[in-house]
Every structure is written in structure tokens, then in C-alpha cells.
């Protein structure tokens, strides 16, 4: 697992999932990129690359007439690439995430 965090500028046109809201402080959120290699998974071994668009709040609860609080926090991946077709299918069918098959290779220095 490799996670390279970065500050991401949040604008009115920044994409977020319909079930969550992008969280930002002074117009920035924590994004970055994540690279994973699954040696064992329900769909077999595969590699994954994700561009993280920012931190999101998942779900809300009302605490007063105009005051809402987020129930959970996670990261929103704006671009997801996987190394096998079956991994892409599972991302789309089970998780509802638009993944794409790509050649993902690791090089050691």
C-alpha cells in the first residue's frame, strides 16, 4: 500500500458522490493517490490505483432546525483503475464505483 496525500483545492465544480458531501477547510481537503496490490481477494489478485478527490462526510443527522451533523468520514476516489476485468465488474456492480481496467505495474528503484 502506498498513500501519497496532498491538499486538494475544492471548488463549486468539484465532484463528490451523491450520498456524501465534500468536507473542506479554507477551500482545501485531503486528497492524493493510493496504490494497492491485493495478493488475495474474493476476485483473485489484482492491483488498484485511486485518485482521491477529498474527504467526505457520509450521512447526516439533524440536531436542530437548521443544524446538521455528519455521521461518518471517508475519502472520495474520483478516478479508480484496476488491473483485471473481474475487479472492474465488482467495483461497478457491488460498490457502484466507476472503475476502469488499466495496466498497473510496479517498478522498484
PDB file of N, CA and C in Angstrom:
ATOM      1  N   UNK A   1       0.848  -1.178   0.000  1.00  0.00           N
ATOM      2  CA  UNK A   1       0.000   0.000   0.000  1.00  0.00           C
ATOM      3  C   UNK A   1       0.888   1.234   0.000  1.00  0.00           C
ATOM      4  N   UNK A   2       0.596   2.114  -0.922  1.00  0.00           N
ATOM      5  CA  UNK A   2       1.284   3.398  -0.971  1.00  0.00           C
ATOM      6  C   UNK A   2       0.213   4.485  -0.968  1.00  0.00           C
ATOM      7  N   UNK A   3       0.292   5.413  -0.010  1.00  0.00           N
ATOM      8  CA  UNK A   3      -0.633   6.545   0.041  1.00  0.00           C
ATOM      9  C   UNK A   3       0.197   7.812  -0.012  1.00  0.00           C
ATOM     10  N   UNK A   4      -0.050   8.621  -1.018  1.00  0.00           N
ATOM     11  CA  UNK A   4       0.643   9.892  -1.153  1.00  0.00           C
ATOM     12  C   UNK A   4      -0.388  11.004  -0.981  1.00  0.00           C
ATOM     13  N   UNK A   5      -0.503  11.536   0.242  1.00  0.00           N
ATOM     14  CA  UNK A   5      -1.514  12.572   0.480  1.00  0.00           C
ATOM     15  C   UNK A   5      -1.122  13.906  -0.143  1.00  0.00           C
ATOM     16  N   UNK A   6      -2.121  14.708  -0.434  1.00  0.00           N
ATOM     17  CA  UNK A   6      -1.896  16.064  -0.913  1.00  0.00           C
ATOM     18  C   UNK A   6      -3.123  16.903  -0.601  1.00  0.00           C
ATOM     19  N   UNK A   7      -2.919  18.194  -0.498  1.00  0.00           N
ATOM     20  CA  UNK A   7      -4.048  19.100  -0.318  1.00  0.00           C
ATOM     21  C   UNK A   7      -4.689  19.334  -1.679  1.00  0.00           C
ATOM     22  N   UNK A   8      -6.012  19.252  -1.712  1.00  0.00           N
ATOM     23  CA  UNK A   8      -6.765  19.384  -2.953  1.00  0.00           C
ATOM     24  C   UNK A   8      -7.681  20.597  -2.820  1.00  0.00           C
ATOM     25  N   UNK A   9      -7.614  21.486  -3.802  1.00  0.00           N
ATOM     26  CA  UNK A   9      -8.479  22.669  -3.816  1.00  0.00           C
ATOM     27  C   UNK A   9      -9.900  22.224  -4.131  1.00  0.00           C
ATOM     28  N   UNK A  10     -10.853  22.639  -3.314  1.00  0.00           N
ATOM     29  CA  UNK A  10     -12.262  22.318  -3.515  1.00  0.00           C
ATOM     30  C   UNK A  10     -12.948  23.538  -4.125  1.00  0.00           C
ATOM     31  N   UNK A  11     -13.607  23.320  -5.262  1.00  0.00           N
ATOM     32  CA  UNK A  11     -14.328  24.391  -5.945  1.00  0.00           C
ATOM     33  C   UNK A  11     -15.791  23.985  -6.072  1.00  0.00           C
ATOM     34  N   UNK A  12     -16.665  24.907  -6.443  1.00  0.00           N
ATOM     35  CA  UNK A  12     -18.071  24.528  -6.637  1.00  0.00           C
ATOM     36  C   UNK A  12     -18.266  23.423  -7.669  1.00  0.00           C
ATOM     37  N   UNK A  13     -17.322  23.269  -8.603  1.00  0.00           N
ATOM     38  CA  UNK A  13     -17.462  22.230  -9.620  1.00  0.00           C
ATOM     39  C   UNK A  13     -16.786  20.912  -9.224  1.00  0.00           C
ATOM     40  N   UNK A  14     -16.189  20.829  -8.038  1.00  0.00           N
ATOM     41  CA  UNK A  14     -15.549  19.589  -7.594  1.00  0.00           C
ATOM     42  C   UNK A  14     -16.595  18.486  -7.458  1.00  0.00           C
ATOM     43  N   UNK A  15     -16.241  17.292  -7.960  1.00  0.00           N
ATOM     44  CA  UNK A  15     -17.204  16.193  -7.921  1.00  0.00           C
ATOM     45  C   UNK A  15     -17.192  15.513  -6.564  1.00  0.00           C
ATOM     46  N   UNK A  16     -18.357  15.023  -6.170  1.00  0.00           N
ATOM     47  CA  UNK A  16     -18.492  14.247  -4.939  1.00  0.00           C
ATOM     48  C   UNK A  16     -19.615  13.240  -5.148  1.00  0.00           C
ATOM     49  N   UNK A  17     -19.607  12.173  -4.355  1.00  0.00           N
ATOM     50  CA  UNK A  17     -20.667  11.173  -4.520  1.00  0.00           C
ATOM     51  C   UNK A  17     -22.009  11.755  -4.093  1.00  0.00           C
ATOM     52  N   UNK A  18     -23.108  11.285  -4.669  1.00  0.00           N
ATOM     53  CA  UNK A  18     -24.416  11.822  -4.307  1.00  0.00           C
ATOM     54  C   UNK A  18     -24.789  11.549  -2.853  1.00  0.00           C
ATOM     55  N   UNK A  19     -24.197  10.517  -2.241  1.00  0.00           N
ATOM     56  CA  UNK A  19     -24.545  10.147  -0.866  1.00  0.00           C
ATOM     57  C   UNK A  19     -23.651  10.800   0.173  1.00  0.00           C
ATOM     58  N   UNK A  20     -22.778  11.722  -0.237  1.00  0.00           N
ATOM     59  CA  UNK A  20     -21.848  12.342   0.702  1.00  0.00           C
ATOM     60  C   UNK A  20     -21.591  13.784   0.306  1.00  0.00           C
ATOM     61  N   UNK A  21     -20.951  14.519   1.206  1.00  0.00           N
ATOM     62  CA  UNK A  21     -20.603  15.915   0.956  1.00  0.00           C
ATOM     63  C   UNK A  21     -19.108  16.097   1.158  1.00  0.00           C
ATOM     64  N   UNK A  22     -18.463  16.816   0.238  1.00  0.00           N
ATOM     65  CA  UNK A  22     -17.042  17.112   0.390  1.00  0.00           C
ATOM     66  C   UNK A  22     -16.831  18.015   1.597  1.00  0.00           C
ATOM     67  N   UNK A  23     -15.847  17.685   2.413  1.00  0.00           N
ATOM     68  CA  UNK A  23     -15.501  18.486   3.583  1.00  0.00           C
ATOM     69  C   UNK A  23     -14.223  19.249   3.280  1.00  0.00           C
ATOM     70  N   UNK A  24     -14.212  20.516   3.633  1.00  0.00           N
ATOM     71  CA  UNK A  24     -13.018  21.316   3.359  1.00  0.00           C
ATOM     72  C   UNK A  24     -12.807  22.326   4.483  1.00  0.00           C
ATOM     73  N   UNK A  25     -11.580  22.790   4.559  1.00  0.00           N
ATOM     74  CA  UNK A  25     -11.208  23.840   5.499  1.00  0.00           C
ATOM     75  C   UNK A  25     -10.456  24.891   4.696  1.00  0.00           C
ATOM     76  N   UNK A  26     -10.984  26.101   4.668  1.00  0.00           N
ATOM     77  CA  UNK A  26     -10.402  27.196   3.901  1.00  0.00           C
ATOM     78  C   UNK A  26     -10.266  26.840   2.421  1.00  0.00           C
ATOM     79  N   UNK A  27     -11.215  26.044   1.898  1.00  0.00           N
ATOM     80  CA  UNK A  27     -11.251  25.709   0.486  1.00  0.00           C
ATOM     81  C   UNK A  27     -10.378  24.539   0.073  1.00  0.00           C
ATOM     82  N   UNK A  28      -9.805  23.804   1.042  1.00  0.00           N
ATOM     83  CA  UNK A  28      -8.953  22.651   0.732  1.00  0.00           C
ATOM     84  C   UNK A  28      -9.434  21.416   1.475  1.00  0.00           C
ATOM     85  N   UNK A  29      -9.148  20.256   0.882  1.00  0.00           N
ATOM     86  CA  UNK A  29      -9.455  18.975   1.503  1.00  0.00           C
ATOM     87  C   UNK A  29      -8.230  18.077   1.348  1.00  0.00           C
ATOM     88  N   UNK A  30      -8.245  16.945   2.028  1.00  0.00           N
ATOM     89  CA  UNK A  30      -7.142  15.995   1.923  1.00  0.00           C
ATOM     90  C   UNK A  30      -7.450  14.997   0.816  1.00  0.00           C
ATOM     91  N   UNK A  31      -6.630  15.006  -0.206  1.00  0.00           N
ATOM     92  CA  UNK A  31      -6.776  14.079  -1.317  1.00  0.00           C
ATOM     93  C   UNK A  31      -5.479  13.328  -1.511  1.00  0.00           C
ATOM     94  N   UNK A  32      -5.154  13.032  -2.750  1.00  0.00           N
ATOM     95  CA  UNK A  32      -3.902  12.354  -3.035  1.00  0.00           C
ATOM     96  C   UNK A  32      -4.115  11.153  -3.926  1.00  0.00           C
ATOM     97  N   UNK A  33      -3.227  10.182  -3.783  1.00  0.00           N
ATOM     98  CA  UNK A  33      -3.355   8.952  -4.560  1.00  0.00           C
ATOM     99  C   UNK A  33      -3.000   7.758  -3.686  1.00  0.00           C
ATOM    100  N   UNK A  34      -3.622   6.620  -4.024  1.00  0.00           N
ATOM    101  CA  UNK A  34      -3.418   5.381  -3.295  1.00  0.00           C
ATOM    102  C   UNK A  34      -3.149   4.285  -4.311  1.00  0.00           C
ATOM    103  N   UNK A  35      -2.141   3.478  -4.036  1.00  0.00           N
ATOM    104  CA  UNK A  35      -1.831   2.320  -4.871  1.00  0.00           C
ATOM    105  C   UNK A  35      -1.868   1.095  -3.976  1.00  0.00           C
ATOM    106  N   UNK A  36      -2.609   0.077  -4.396  1.00  0.00           N
ATOM    107  CA  UNK A  36      -2.750  -1.142  -3.603  1.00  0.00           C
ATOM    108  C   UNK A  36      -2.498  -2.358  -4.465  1.00  0.00           C
ATOM    109  N   UNK A  37      -1.973  -3.410  -3.843  1.00  0.00           N
ATOM    110  CA  UNK A  37      -1.816  -4.689  -4.519  1.00  0.00           C
ATOM    111  C   UNK A  37      -2.457  -5.750  -3.637  1.00  0.00           C
ATOM    112  N   UNK A  38      -3.510  -6.364  -4.153  1.00  0.00           N
ATOM    113  CA  UNK A  38      -4.217  -7.417  -3.427  1.00  0.00           C
ATOM    114  C   UNK A  38      -3.670  -8.779  -3.875  1.00  0.00           C
ATOM    115  N   UNK A  39      -2.949  -9.451  -3.000  1.00  0.00           N
ATOM    116  CA  UNK A  39      -2.462 -10.795  -3.313  1.00  0.00           C
ATOM    117  C   UNK A  39      -3.592 -11.810  -3.229  1.00  0.00           C
ATOM    118  N   UNK A  40      -4.520 -11.557  -2.289  1.00  0.00           N
ATOM    119  CA  UNK A  40      -5.674 -12.431  -2.088  1.00  0.00           C
ATOM    120  C   UNK A  40      -6.902 -11.543  -1.946  1.00  0.00           C
ATOM    121  N   UNK A  41      -7.939 -11.857  -2.706  1.00  0.00           N
ATOM    122  CA  UNK A  41      -9.215 -11.148  -2.594  1.00  0.00           C
ATOM    123  C   UNK A  41     -10.312 -12.074  -3.117  1.00  0.00           C
ATOM    124  N   UNK A  42     -11.580 -11.754  -2.876  1.00  0.00           N
ATOM    125  CA  UNK A  42     -12.669 -12.592  -3.407  1.00  0.00           C
ATOM    126  C   UNK A  42     -12.673 -12.703  -4.935  1.00  0.00           C
ATOM    127  N   UNK A  43     -12.025 -11.749  -5.625  1.00  0.00           N
ATOM    128  CA  UNK A  43     -11.974 -11.792  -7.096  1.00  0.00           C
ATOM    129  C   UNK A  43     -10.593 -12.165  -7.606  1.00  0.00           C
ATOM    130  N   UNK A  44      -9.735 -12.655  -6.728  1.00  0.00           N
ATOM    131  CA  UNK A  44      -8.379 -13.023  -7.120  1.00  0.00           C
ATOM    132  C   UNK A  44      -7.431 -11.850  -6.962  1.00  0.00           C
ATOM    133  N   UNK A  45      -6.155 -12.062  -7.243  1.00  0.00           N
ATOM    134  CA  UNK A  45      -5.178 -10.983  -7.099  1.00  0.00           C
ATOM    135  C   UNK A  45      -5.389  -9.890  -8.153  1.00  0.00           C
ATOM    136  N   UNK A  46      -5.208  -8.645  -7.731  1.00  0.00           N
ATOM    137  CA  UNK A  46      -5.265  -7.523  -8.675  1.00  0.00           C
ATOM    138  C   UNK A  46      -4.609  -6.305  -8.053  1.00  0.00           C
ATOM    139  N   UNK A  47      -4.357  -5.309  -8.872  1.00  0.00           N
ATOM    140  CA  UNK A  47      -3.775  -4.041  -8.424  1.00  0.00           C
ATOM    141  C   UNK A  47      -4.783  -2.930  -8.646  1.00  0.00           C
ATOM    142  N   UNK A  48      -4.624  -1.878  -7.853  1.00  0.00           N
ATOM    143  CA  UNK A  48      -5.595  -0.783  -7.889  1.00  0.00           C
ATOM    144  C   UNK A  48      -4.869   0.543  -7.711  1.00  0.00           C
ATOM    145  N   UNK A  49      -5.287   1.546  -8.473  1.00  0.00           N
ATOM    146  CA  UNK A  49      -4.790   2.912  -8.338  1.00  0.00           C
ATOM    147  C   UNK A  49      -6.001   3.825  -8.199  1.00  0.00           C
ATOM    148  N   UNK A  50      -5.987   4.687  -7.175  1.00  0.00           N
ATOM    149  CA  UNK A  50      -7.117   5.580  -6.931  1.00  0.00           C
ATOM    150  C   UNK A  50      -6.618   7.005  -6.759  1.00  0.00           C
ATOM    151  N   UNK A  51      -7.228   7.933  -7.485  1.00  0.00           N
ATOM    152  CA  UNK A  51      -7.021   9.356  -7.247  1.00  0.00           C
ATOM    153  C   UNK A  51      -8.077   9.793  -6.247  1.00  0.00           C
ATOM    154  N   UNK A  52      -7.636  10.286  -5.101  1.00  0.00           N
ATOM    155  CA  UNK A  52      -8.556  10.686  -4.042  1.00  0.00           C
ATOM    156  C   UNK A  52      -8.918  12.162  -4.214  1.00  0.00           C
ATOM    157  N   UNK A  53     -10.230  12.433  -4.337  1.00  0.00           N
ATOM    158  CA  UNK A  53     -10.699  13.793  -4.580  1.00  0.00           C
ATOM    159  C   UNK A  53     -10.882  14.627  -3.333  1.00  0.00           C
ATOM    160  N   UNK A  54     -10.909  13.995  -2.163  1.00  0.00           N
ATOM    161  CA  UNK A  54     -11.059  14.746  -0.932  1.00  0.00           C
ATOM    162  C   UNK A  54     -11.747  13.932   0.145  1.00  0.00           C
ATOM    163  N   UNK A  55     -11.838  14.523   1.321  1.00  0.00           N
ATOM    164  CA  UNK A  55     -12.511  13.905   2.457  1.00  0.00           C
ATOM    165  C   UNK A  55     -14.003  14.217   2.355  1.00  0.00           C
ATOM    166  N   UNK A  56     -14.827  13.208   2.616  1.00  0.00           N
ATOM    167  CA  UNK A  56     -16.272  13.396   2.554  1.00  0.00           C
ATOM    168  C   UNK A  56     -16.920  13.023   3.878  1.00  0.00           C
ATOM    169  N   UNK A  57     -18.056  13.671   4.152  1.00  0.00           N
ATOM    170  CA  UNK A  57     -18.912  13.308   5.273  1.00  0.00           C
ATOM    171  C   UNK A  57     -20.020  12.421   4.743  1.00  0.00           C
ATOM    172  N   UNK A  58     -20.239  11.294   5.406  1.00  0.00           N
ATOM    173  CA  UNK A  58     -21.210  10.302   4.944  1.00  0.00           C
ATOM    174  C   UNK A  58     -22.425  10.306   5.848  1.00  0.00           C
ATOM    175  N   UNK A  59     -23.566  10.641   5.315  1.00  0.00           N
ATOM    176  CA  UNK A  59     -24.798  10.649   6.092  1.00  0.00           C
ATOM    177  C   UNK A  59     -24.883  11.864   7.005  1.00  0.00           C
ATOM    178  N   UNK A  60     -26.096  12.206   7.404  1.00  0.00           N
ATOM    179  CA  UNK A  60     -26.296  13.380   8.255  1.00  0.00           C
ATOM    180  C   UNK A  60     -27.357  13.086   9.303  1.00  0.00           C
ATOM    181  N   UNK A  61     -27.284  13.809  10.389  1.00  0.00           N
ATOM    182  CA  UNK A  61     -28.310  13.755  11.421  1.00  0.00           C
ATOM    183  C   UNK A  61     -28.657  15.194  11.785  1.00  0.00           C
ATOM    184  N   UNK A  62     -29.932  15.475  11.954  1.00  0.00           N
ATOM    185  CA  UNK A  62     -30.369  16.820  12.326  1.00  0.00           C
ATOM    186  C   UNK A  62     -30.251  17.008  13.833  1.00  0.00           C
ATOM    187  N   UNK A  63     -29.668  18.116  14.221  1.00  0.00           N
ATOM    188  CA  UNK A  63     -29.591  18.488  15.635  1.00  0.00           C
ATOM    189  C   UNK A  63     -30.098  19.922  15.761  1.00  0.00           C
ATOM    190  N   UNK A  64     -31.347  20.062  15.500  1.00  0.00           N
ATOM    191  CA  UNK A  64     -31.946  21.386  15.480  1.00  0.00           C
ATOM    192  C   UNK A  64     -32.519  21.664  14.113  1.00  0.00           C
ATOM    193  N   UNK A  65     -33.214  22.773  14.016  1.00  0.00           N
ATOM    194  CA  UNK A  65     -33.929  23.090  12.788  1.00  0.00           C
ATOM    195  C   UNK A  65     -33.019  23.237  11.566  1.00  0.00           C
ATOM    196  N   UNK A  66     -31.893  23.929  11.693  1.00  0.00           N
ATOM    197  CA  UNK A  66     -31.031  24.147  10.532  1.00  0.00           C
ATOM    198  C   UNK A  66     -29.607  23.649  10.771  1.00  0.00           C
ATOM    199  N   UNK A  67     -29.424  22.813  11.773  1.00  0.00           N
ATOM    200  CA  UNK A  67     -28.095  22.344  12.127  1.00  0.00           C
ATOM    201  C   UNK A  67     -27.983  20.845  11.862  1.00  0.00           C
ATOM    202  N   UNK A  68     -27.114  20.445  10.927  1.00  0.00           N
ATOM    203  CA  UNK A  68     -26.929  19.032  10.604  1.00  0.00           C
ATOM    204  C   UNK A  68     -25.499  18.616  10.905  1.00  0.00           C
ATOM    205  N   UNK A  69     -25.325  17.383  11.349  1.00  0.00           N
ATOM    206  CA  UNK A  69     -24.004  16.830  11.654  1.00  0.00           C
ATOM    207  C   UNK A  69     -23.755  15.594  10.794  1.00  0.00           C
ATOM    208  N   UNK A  70     -22.504  15.410  10.380  1.00  0.00           N
ATOM    209  CA  UNK A  70     -22.129  14.231   9.608  1.00  0.00           C
ATOM    210  C   UNK A  70     -21.924  13.043  10.538  1.00  0.00           C
ATOM    211  N   UNK A  71     -22.315  11.858  10.087  1.00  0.00           N
ATOM    212  CA  UNK A  71     -22.195  10.650  10.884  1.00  0.00           C
ATOM    213  C   UNK A  71     -20.891   9.898  10.651  1.00  0.00           C
ATOM    214  N   UNK A  72     -20.282  10.039   9.509  1.00  0.00           N
ATOM    215  CA  UNK A  72     -19.060   9.311   9.201  1.00  0.00           C
ATOM    216  C   UNK A  72     -18.169  10.130   8.288  1.00  0.00           C
ATOM    217  N   UNK A  73     -16.918   9.728   8.208  1.00  0.00           N
ATOM    218  CA  UNK A  73     -15.946  10.424   7.378  1.00  0.00           C
ATOM    219  C   UNK A  73     -15.190   9.390   6.554  1.00  0.00           C
ATOM    220  N   UNK A  74     -14.928   9.711   5.303  1.00  0.00           N
ATOM    221  CA  UNK A  74     -14.167   8.816   4.440  1.00  0.00           C
ATOM    222  C   UNK A  74     -13.492   9.621   3.348  1.00  0.00           C
ATOM    223  N   UNK A  75     -12.842   8.942   2.423  1.00  0.00           N
ATOM    224  CA  UNK A  75     -12.236   9.626   1.292  1.00  0.00           C
ATOM    225  C   UNK A  75     -12.965   9.246   0.019  1.00  0.00           C
ATOM    226  N   UNK A  76     -13.117  10.201  -0.865  1.00  0.00           N
ATOM    227  CA  UNK A  76     -13.822  10.009  -2.124  1.00  0.00           C
ATOM    228  C   UNK A  76     -12.797   9.833  -3.227  1.00  0.00           C
ATOM    229  N   UNK A  77     -12.870   8.714  -3.917  1.00  0.00           N
ATOM    230  CA  UNK A  77     -11.989   8.459  -5.046  1.00  0.00           C
ATOM    231  C   UNK A  77     -12.640   8.952  -6.331  1.00  0.00           C
ATOM    232  N   UNK A  78     -11.991   9.862  -7.022  1.00  0.00           N
ATOM    233  CA  UNK A  78     -12.564  10.404  -8.248  1.00  0.00           C
ATOM    234  C   UNK A  78     -12.228   9.557  -9.467  1.00  0.00           C
ATOM    235  N   UNK A  79     -11.087   8.887  -9.436  1.00  0.00           N
ATOM    236  CA  UNK A  79     -10.670   8.014 -10.540  1.00  0.00           C
ATOM    237  C   UNK A  79     -10.163   6.707  -9.944  1.00  0.00           C
ATOM    238  N   UNK A  80     -10.659   5.576 -10.456  1.00  0.00           N
ATOM    239  CA  UNK A  80     -10.278   4.259  -9.945  1.00  0.00           C
ATOM    240  C   UNK A  80      -9.885   3.373 -11.113  1.00  0.00           C
ATOM    241  N   UNK A  81      -8.677   2.835 -11.041  1.00  0.00           N
ATOM    242  CA  UNK A  81      -8.173   1.929 -12.066  1.00  0.00           C
ATOM    243  C   UNK A  81      -7.814   0.598 -11.411  1.00  0.00           C
ATOM    244  N   UNK A  82      -8.198  -0.506 -12.031  1.00  0.00           N
ATOM    245  CA  UNK A  82      -7.897  -1.840 -11.537  1.00  0.00           C
ATOM    246  C   UNK A  82      -7.258  -2.648 -12.664  1.00  0.00           C
ATOM    247  N   UNK A  83      -6.531  -3.702 -12.278  1.00  0.00           N
ATOM    248  CA  UNK A  83      -5.749  -4.438 -13.272  1.00  0.00           C
ATOM    249  C   UNK A  83      -6.475  -5.629 -13.895  1.00  0.00           C
ATOM    250  N   UNK A  84      -7.694  -5.960 -13.423  1.00  0.00           N
ATOM    251  CA  UNK A  84      -8.414  -7.091 -14.014  1.00  0.00           C
ATOM    252  C   UNK A  84      -9.863  -6.719 -14.318  1.00  0.00           C
ATOM    253  N   UNK A  85     -10.420  -7.396 -15.291  1.00  0.00           N
ATOM    254  CA  UNK A  85     -11.812  -7.156 -15.680  1.00  0.00           C
ATOM    255  C   UNK A  85     -12.780  -7.525 -14.562  1.00  0.00           C
ATOM    256  N   UNK A  86     -12.531  -8.632 -13.860  1.00  0.00           N
ATOM    257  CA  UNK A  86     -13.438  -9.050 -12.781  1.00  0.00           C
ATOM    258  C   UNK A  86     -13.435  -8.027 -11.649  1.00  0.00           C
ATOM    259  N   UNK A  87     -12.296  -7.407 -11.355  1.00  0.00           N
ATOM    260  CA  UNK A  87     -12.243  -6.362 -10.328  1.00  0.00           C
ATOM    261  C   UNK A  87     -13.055  -5.139 -10.770  1.00  0.00           C
ATOM    262  N   UNK A  88     -12.963  -4.795 -12.063  1.00  0.00           N
ATOM    263  CA  UNK A  88     -13.764  -3.680 -12.587  1.00  0.00           C
ATOM    264  C   UNK A  88     -15.257  -3.989 -12.445  1.00  0.00           C
ATOM    265  N   UNK A  89     -15.654  -5.190 -12.808  1.00  0.00           N
ATOM    266  CA  UNK A  89     -17.063  -5.579 -12.719  1.00  0.00           C
ATOM    267  C   UNK A  89     -17.586  -5.482 -11.287  1.00  0.00           C
ATOM    268  N   UNK A  90     -16.799  -5.956 -10.320  1.00  0.00           N
ATOM    269  CA  UNK A  90     -17.215  -5.909  -8.920  1.00  0.00           C
ATOM    270  C   UNK A  90     -17.317  -4.464  -8.439  1.00  0.00           C
ATOM    271  N   UNK A  91     -16.357  -3.629  -8.826  1.00  0.00           N
ATOM    272  CA  UNK A  91     -16.413  -2.214  -8.432  1.00  0.00           C
ATOM    273  C   UNK A  91     -17.704  -1.561  -8.913  1.00  0.00           C
ATOM    274  N   UNK A  92     -18.093  -1.864 -10.138  1.00  0.00           N
ATOM    275  CA  UNK A  92     -19.292  -1.255 -10.714  1.00  0.00           C
ATOM    276  C   UNK A  92     -20.579  -1.865 -10.159  1.00  0.00           C
ATOM    277  N   UNK A  93     -20.638  -3.210 -10.102  1.00  0.00           N
ATOM    278  CA  UNK A  93     -21.884  -3.883  -9.728  1.00  0.00           C
ATOM    279  C   UNK A  93     -22.135  -3.887  -8.223  1.00  0.00           C
ATOM    280  N   UNK A  94     -21.097  -4.129  -7.427  1.00  0.00           N
ATOM    281  CA  UNK A  94     -21.276  -4.244  -5.971  1.00  0.00           C
ATOM    282  C   UNK A  94     -21.155  -2.899  -5.276  1.00  0.00           C
ATOM    283  N   UNK A  95     -20.109  -2.135  -5.624  1.00  0.00           N
ATOM    284  CA  UNK A  95     -19.838  -0.885  -4.920  1.00  0.00           C
ATOM    285  C   UNK A  95     -20.415   0.340  -5.622  1.00  0.00           C
ATOM    286  N   UNK A  96     -20.831   0.213  -6.879  1.00  0.00           N
ATOM    287  CA  UNK A  96     -21.354   1.365  -7.606  1.00  0.00           C
ATOM    288  C   UNK A  96     -20.282   2.391  -7.935  1.00  0.00           C
ATOM    289  N   UNK A  97     -19.036   1.929  -8.064  1.00  0.00           N
ATOM    290  CA  UNK A  97     -17.909   2.815  -8.336  1.00  0.00           C
ATOM    291  C   UNK A  97     -17.473   2.631  -9.793  1.00  0.00           C
ATOM    292  N   UNK A  98     -17.359   3.724 -10.545  1.00  0.00           N
ATOM    293  CA  UNK A  98     -16.948   3.612 -11.946  1.00  0.00           C
ATOM    294  C   UNK A  98     -15.448   3.362 -12.071  1.00  0.00           C
ATOM    295  N   UNK A  99     -15.063   2.095 -12.170  1.00  0.00           N
ATOM    296  CA  UNK A  99     -13.655   1.714 -12.325  1.00  0.00           C
ATOM    297  C   UNK A  99     -13.340   1.479 -13.794  1.00  0.00           C
ATOM    298  N   UNK A 100     -12.046   1.472 -14.100  1.00  0.00           N
ATOM    299  CA  UNK A 100     -11.578   1.182 -15.447  1.00  0.00           C
ATOM    300  C   UNK A 100     -10.423   0.187 -15.358  1.00  0.00           C
ATOM    301  N   UNK A 101     -10.355  -0.723 -16.312  1.00  0.00           N
ATOM    302  CA  UNK A 101      -9.232  -1.648 -16.372  1.00  0.00           C
ATOM    303  C   UNK A 101      -8.028  -0.911 -16.956  1.00  0.00           C
ATOM    304  N   UNK A 102      -6.864  -1.109 -16.318  1.00  0.00           N
ATOM    305  CA  UNK A 102      -5.627  -0.487 -16.794  1.00  0.00           C
ATOM    306  C   UNK A 102      -4.446  -1.403 -16.476  1.00  0.00           C
ATOM    307  N   UNK A 103      -3.372  -1.246 -17.233  1.00  0.00           N
ATOM    308  CA  UNK A 103      -2.134  -1.958 -16.913  1.00  0.00           C
ATOM    309  C   UNK A 103      -1.455  -1.217 -15.771  1.00  0.00           C
ATOM    310  N   UNK A 104      -1.285  -1.894 -14.644  1.00  0.00           N
ATOM    311  CA  UNK A 104      -0.653  -1.289 -13.470  1.00  0.00           C
ATOM    312  C   UNK A 104       0.566  -2.134 -13.120  1.00  0.00           C
ATOM    313  N   UNK A 105       1.740  -1.549 -13.267  1.00  0.00           N
ATOM    314  CA  UNK A 105       2.989  -2.240 -12.964  1.00  0.00           C
ATOM    315  C   UNK A 105       3.754  -1.459 -11.897  1.00  0.00           C
ATOM    316  N   UNK A 106       4.427  -2.192 -11.025  1.00  0.00           N
ATOM    317  CA  UNK A 106       5.288  -1.582 -10.010  1.00  0.00           C
ATOM    318  C   UNK A 106       6.744  -1.734 -10.418  1.00  0.00           C
ATOM    319  N   UNK A 107       7.488  -0.671 -10.270  1.00  0.00           N
ATOM    320  CA  UNK A 107       8.916  -0.710 -10.552  1.00  0.00           C
ATOM    321  C   UNK A 107       9.668  -0.365  -9.277  1.00  0.00           C
ATOM    322  N   UNK A 108      10.669  -1.165  -8.967  1.00  0.00           N
ATOM    323  CA  UNK A 108      11.494  -0.890  -7.789  1.00  0.00           C
ATOM    324  C   UNK A 108      12.749  -0.175  -8.220  1.00  0.00           C
ATOM    325  N   UNK A 109      13.152   0.782  -7.401  1.00  0.00           N
ATOM    326  CA  UNK A 109      14.390   1.522  -7.680  1.00  0.00           C
ATOM    327  C   UNK A 109      15.586   0.806  -7.112  1.00  0.00           C
TER     328      UNK A 109
END
